[in-house]
Amino acid sequence: LLYPNAINTAPLDTIDAFISTGIKKIQNPIDKATIDQFFDDLRNKEINLDVIYHDLLHEGIDAFKIAFREILDVLEKG
């Protein structure tokens, strides 16, 4: 859970459990050369991560809007 520039979508219970371990050292489970090679491969295959990031962001926002509307509907009825 401690990695720079990572997107963390862990549930709060998971984050709380991690915090309770006391681990504070940033850990990189994959070496930098492997990560760099992965992104080079994506670029070589003309995979545009900016488009993917944009789409994922907007899909997430849309899903949140739907879930939030459902919560509001329940609260308004209750």
N, C-alpha and C. Protein backbone atom coordinates (compact mmCIF):
# COMPACT_ATOMS: atom_id res chain seq x y z
N LEU A 1 0.80 -1.21 0.00
CA LEU A 1 0.00 0.00 0.00
C LEU A 1 0.84 1.27 0.00
N LEU A 2 2.13 1.12 0.16
CA LEU A 2 3.01 2.29 0.14
C LEU A 2 3.88 2.24 -1.10
N TYR A 3 3.42 2.90 -2.13
CA TYR A 3 4.21 2.95 -3.36
C TYR A 3 3.94 4.29 -4.03
N PRO A 4 4.99 5.04 -4.34
CA PRO A 4 4.78 6.37 -4.92
C PRO A 4 4.01 6.32 -6.24
N ASN A 5 3.13 7.27 -6.42
CA ASN A 5 2.35 7.44 -7.65
C ASN A 5 1.41 6.28 -7.95
N ALA A 6 1.10 5.48 -6.96
CA ALA A 6 0.18 4.36 -7.16
C ALA A 6 -1.25 4.83 -6.91
N ILE A 7 -2.18 4.20 -7.59
CA ILE A 7 -3.59 4.45 -7.36
C ILE A 7 -4.07 3.36 -6.41
N ASN A 8 -4.56 3.76 -5.26
CA ASN A 8 -4.96 2.80 -4.24
C ASN A 8 -6.47 2.82 -4.10
N THR A 9 -7.08 1.68 -4.35
CA THR A 9 -8.54 1.58 -4.21
C THR A 9 -8.91 0.56 -3.13
N ALA A 10 -8.00 0.35 -2.20
CA ALA A 10 -8.25 -0.62 -1.14
C ALA A 10 -9.40 -0.15 -0.26
N PRO A 11 -10.20 -1.10 0.24
CA PRO A 11 -11.25 -0.73 1.19
C PRO A 11 -10.64 -0.14 2.47
N LEU A 12 -11.39 0.70 3.15
CA LEU A 12 -10.88 1.35 4.36
C LEU A 12 -10.44 0.34 5.42
N ASP A 13 -11.15 -0.79 5.54
CA ASP A 13 -10.75 -1.81 6.51
C ASP A 13 -9.36 -2.35 6.20
N THR A 14 -9.06 -2.51 4.92
CA THR A 14 -7.74 -2.98 4.50
C THR A 14 -6.67 -1.95 4.83
N ILE A 15 -6.97 -0.70 4.56
CA ILE A 15 -6.02 0.37 4.86
C ILE A 15 -5.79 0.44 6.37
N ASP A 16 -6.85 0.37 7.16
CA ASP A 16 -6.71 0.38 8.62
C ASP A 16 -5.86 -0.79 9.10
N ALA A 17 -6.09 -1.97 8.53
CA ALA A 17 -5.31 -3.14 8.92
C ALA A 17 -3.84 -2.95 8.56
N PHE A 18 -3.58 -2.37 7.40
CA PHE A 18 -2.20 -2.12 7.00
C PHE A 18 -1.54 -1.12 7.94
N ILE A 19 -2.24 -0.05 8.26
CA ILE A 19 -1.69 0.97 9.16
C ILE A 19 -1.34 0.35 10.51
N SER A 20 -2.18 -0.57 10.97
CA SER A 20 -1.94 -1.19 12.28
C SER A 20 -0.68 -2.06 12.29
N THR A 21 -0.14 -2.45 11.12
CA THR A 21 1.09 -3.23 11.08
C THR A 21 2.30 -2.39 11.44
N GLY A 22 2.18 -1.07 11.29
CA GLY A 22 3.29 -0.18 11.60
C GLY A 22 4.32 -0.06 10.48
N ILE A 23 4.10 -0.72 9.35
CA ILE A 23 5.03 -0.63 8.23
C ILE A 23 4.98 0.78 7.64
N LYS A 24 6.14 1.40 7.53
CA LYS A 24 6.18 2.75 6.98
C LYS A 24 7.16 2.87 5.82
N LYS A 25 7.90 1.82 5.54
CA LYS A 25 8.90 1.85 4.48
C LYS A 25 8.23 1.60 3.12
N ILE A 26 8.50 2.47 2.17
CA ILE A 26 7.99 2.28 0.82
C ILE A 26 8.68 1.07 0.22
N GLN A 27 7.87 0.18 -0.33
CA GLN A 27 8.41 -1.05 -0.89
C GLN A 27 8.03 -1.16 -2.35
N ASN A 28 8.97 -1.57 -3.16
CA ASN A 28 8.74 -1.75 -4.58
C ASN A 28 8.86 -3.23 -4.90
N PRO A 29 7.73 -3.91 -5.12
CA PRO A 29 7.80 -5.35 -5.36
C PRO A 29 8.34 -5.72 -6.74
N ILE A 30 8.44 -4.75 -7.64
CA ILE A 30 8.92 -5.00 -9.00
C ILE A 30 10.10 -4.07 -9.26
N ASP A 31 11.17 -4.59 -9.82
CA ASP A 31 12.35 -3.75 -10.04
C ASP A 31 12.07 -2.72 -11.15
N LYS A 32 12.81 -1.63 -11.09
CA LYS A 32 12.59 -0.50 -12.00
C LYS A 32 12.78 -0.91 -13.47
N ALA A 33 13.74 -1.75 -13.75
CA ALA A 33 13.98 -2.16 -15.14
C ALA A 33 12.77 -2.88 -15.72
N THR A 34 12.14 -3.72 -14.93
CA THR A 34 10.94 -4.44 -15.39
C THR A 34 9.79 -3.48 -15.65
N ILE A 35 9.64 -2.52 -14.76
CA ILE A 35 8.58 -1.50 -14.92
C ILE A 35 8.84 -0.68 -16.18
N ASP A 36 10.08 -0.22 -16.35
CA ASP A 36 10.42 0.57 -17.53
C ASP A 36 10.18 -0.23 -18.82
N GLN A 37 10.55 -1.50 -18.81
CA GLN A 37 10.36 -2.35 -19.99
C GLN A 37 8.88 -2.49 -20.31
N PHE A 38 8.05 -2.66 -19.28
CA PHE A 38 6.61 -2.79 -19.46
C PHE A 38 6.04 -1.55 -20.17
N PHE A 39 6.42 -0.36 -19.70
CA PHE A 39 5.89 0.86 -20.31
C PHE A 39 6.47 1.09 -21.70
N ASP A 40 7.72 0.69 -21.91
CA ASP A 40 8.28 0.75 -23.26
C ASP A 40 7.50 -0.15 -24.21
N ASP A 41 7.16 -1.36 -23.74
CA ASP A 41 6.38 -2.28 -24.57
C ASP A 41 5.02 -1.69 -24.93
N LEU A 42 4.38 -1.04 -23.97
CA LEU A 42 3.09 -0.40 -24.25
C LEU A 42 3.24 0.67 -25.33
N ARG A 43 4.26 1.52 -25.18
CA ARG A 43 4.48 2.58 -26.18
C ARG A 43 4.77 1.97 -27.54
N ASN A 44 5.58 0.92 -27.58
CA ASN A 44 5.92 0.27 -28.85
C ASN A 44 4.69 -0.34 -29.53
N LYS A 45 3.71 -0.72 -28.73
CA LYS A 45 2.47 -1.27 -29.29
C LYS A 45 1.42 -0.18 -29.50
N GLU A 46 1.88 1.08 -29.34
CA GLU A 46 1.03 2.26 -29.54
C GLU A 46 -0.20 2.25 -28.64
N ILE A 47 -0.01 1.79 -27.42
CA ILE A 47 -1.08 1.82 -26.42
C ILE A 47 -0.94 3.15 -25.68
N ASN A 48 -1.97 3.97 -25.75
CA ASN A 48 -1.95 5.30 -25.17
C ASN A 48 -2.52 5.26 -23.75
N LEU A 49 -1.62 5.30 -22.77
CA LEU A 49 -2.06 5.24 -21.38
C LEU A 49 -2.89 6.45 -20.98
N ASP A 50 -2.64 7.60 -21.57
CA ASP A 50 -3.45 8.78 -21.23
C ASP A 50 -4.92 8.55 -21.57
N VAL A 51 -5.19 7.90 -22.69
CA VAL A 51 -6.57 7.59 -23.07
C VAL A 51 -7.16 6.59 -22.08
N ILE A 52 -6.37 5.59 -21.72
CA ILE A 52 -6.85 4.58 -20.76
C ILE A 52 -7.14 5.23 -19.41
N TYR A 53 -6.21 6.06 -18.92
CA TYR A 53 -6.42 6.76 -17.65
C TYR A 53 -7.68 7.61 -17.69
N HIS A 54 -7.86 8.34 -18.79
CA HIS A 54 -9.05 9.19 -18.95
C HIS A 54 -10.32 8.35 -18.90
N ASP A 55 -10.34 7.25 -19.66
CA ASP A 55 -11.54 6.41 -19.70
C ASP A 55 -11.83 5.80 -18.33
N LEU A 56 -10.79 5.32 -17.64
CA LEU A 56 -11.00 4.72 -16.32
C LEU A 56 -11.51 5.76 -15.32
N LEU A 57 -10.96 6.95 -15.39
CA LEU A 57 -11.41 8.02 -14.49
C LEU A 57 -12.89 8.30 -14.71
N HIS A 58 -13.29 8.47 -15.97
CA HIS A 58 -14.68 8.81 -16.25
C HIS A 58 -15.63 7.64 -15.98
N GLU A 59 -15.18 6.43 -16.22
CA GLU A 59 -16.01 5.27 -15.87
C GLU A 59 -16.20 5.20 -14.35
N GLY A 60 -15.13 5.49 -13.60
CA GLY A 60 -15.23 5.49 -12.14
C GLY A 60 -16.15 6.58 -11.64
N ILE A 61 -16.05 7.76 -12.22
CA ILE A 61 -16.92 8.87 -11.82
C ILE A 61 -18.38 8.53 -12.14
N ASP A 62 -18.63 7.97 -13.31
CA ASP A 62 -20.00 7.59 -13.67
C ASP A 62 -20.55 6.54 -12.70
N ALA A 63 -19.72 5.54 -12.35
CA ALA A 63 -20.16 4.51 -11.40
C ALA A 63 -20.45 5.14 -10.03
N PHE A 64 -19.62 6.10 -9.62
CA PHE A 64 -19.84 6.77 -8.35
C PHE A 64 -21.15 7.55 -8.38
N LYS A 65 -21.42 8.24 -9.47
CA LYS A 65 -22.67 9.01 -9.59
C LYS A 65 -23.89 8.10 -9.45
N ILE A 66 -23.83 6.94 -10.10
CA ILE A 66 -24.95 5.99 -10.02
C ILE A 66 -25.13 5.51 -8.59
N ALA A 67 -24.02 5.10 -7.95
CA ALA A 67 -24.10 4.60 -6.58
C ALA A 67 -24.59 5.69 -5.63
N PHE A 68 -24.11 6.91 -5.82
CA PHE A 68 -24.52 8.01 -4.96
C PHE A 68 -26.00 8.31 -5.14
N ARG A 69 -26.47 8.28 -6.37
CA ARG A 69 -27.89 8.51 -6.64
C ARG A 69 -28.73 7.44 -5.96
N GLU A 70 -28.28 6.19 -6.01
CA GLU A 70 -29.01 5.09 -5.37
C GLU A 70 -29.08 5.31 -3.85
N ILE A 71 -27.99 5.77 -3.26
CA ILE A 71 -27.98 6.05 -1.82
C ILE A 71 -28.96 7.18 -1.50
N LEU A 72 -28.92 8.23 -2.30
CA LEU A 72 -29.83 9.35 -2.06
C LEU A 72 -31.29 8.91 -2.21
N ASP A 73 -31.58 8.05 -3.20
CA ASP A 73 -32.94 7.55 -3.38
C ASP A 73 -33.42 6.79 -2.15
N VAL A 74 -32.55 5.95 -1.60
CA VAL A 74 -32.91 5.19 -0.40
C VAL A 74 -33.16 6.13 0.77
N LEU A 75 -32.29 7.12 0.94
CA LEU A 75 -32.45 8.06 2.04
C LEU A 75 -33.73 8.90 1.89
N GLU A 76 -34.05 9.27 0.67
CA GLU A 76 -35.25 10.07 0.45
C GLU A 76 -36.53 9.27 0.73
N LYS A 77 -36.48 7.95 0.48
CA LYS A 77 -37.64 7.10 0.73
C LYS A 77 -37.78 6.74 2.21
N GLY A 78 -36.63 6.67 2.91
CA GLY A 78 -36.62 6.17 4.28
C GLY A 78 -36.99 7.19 5.26
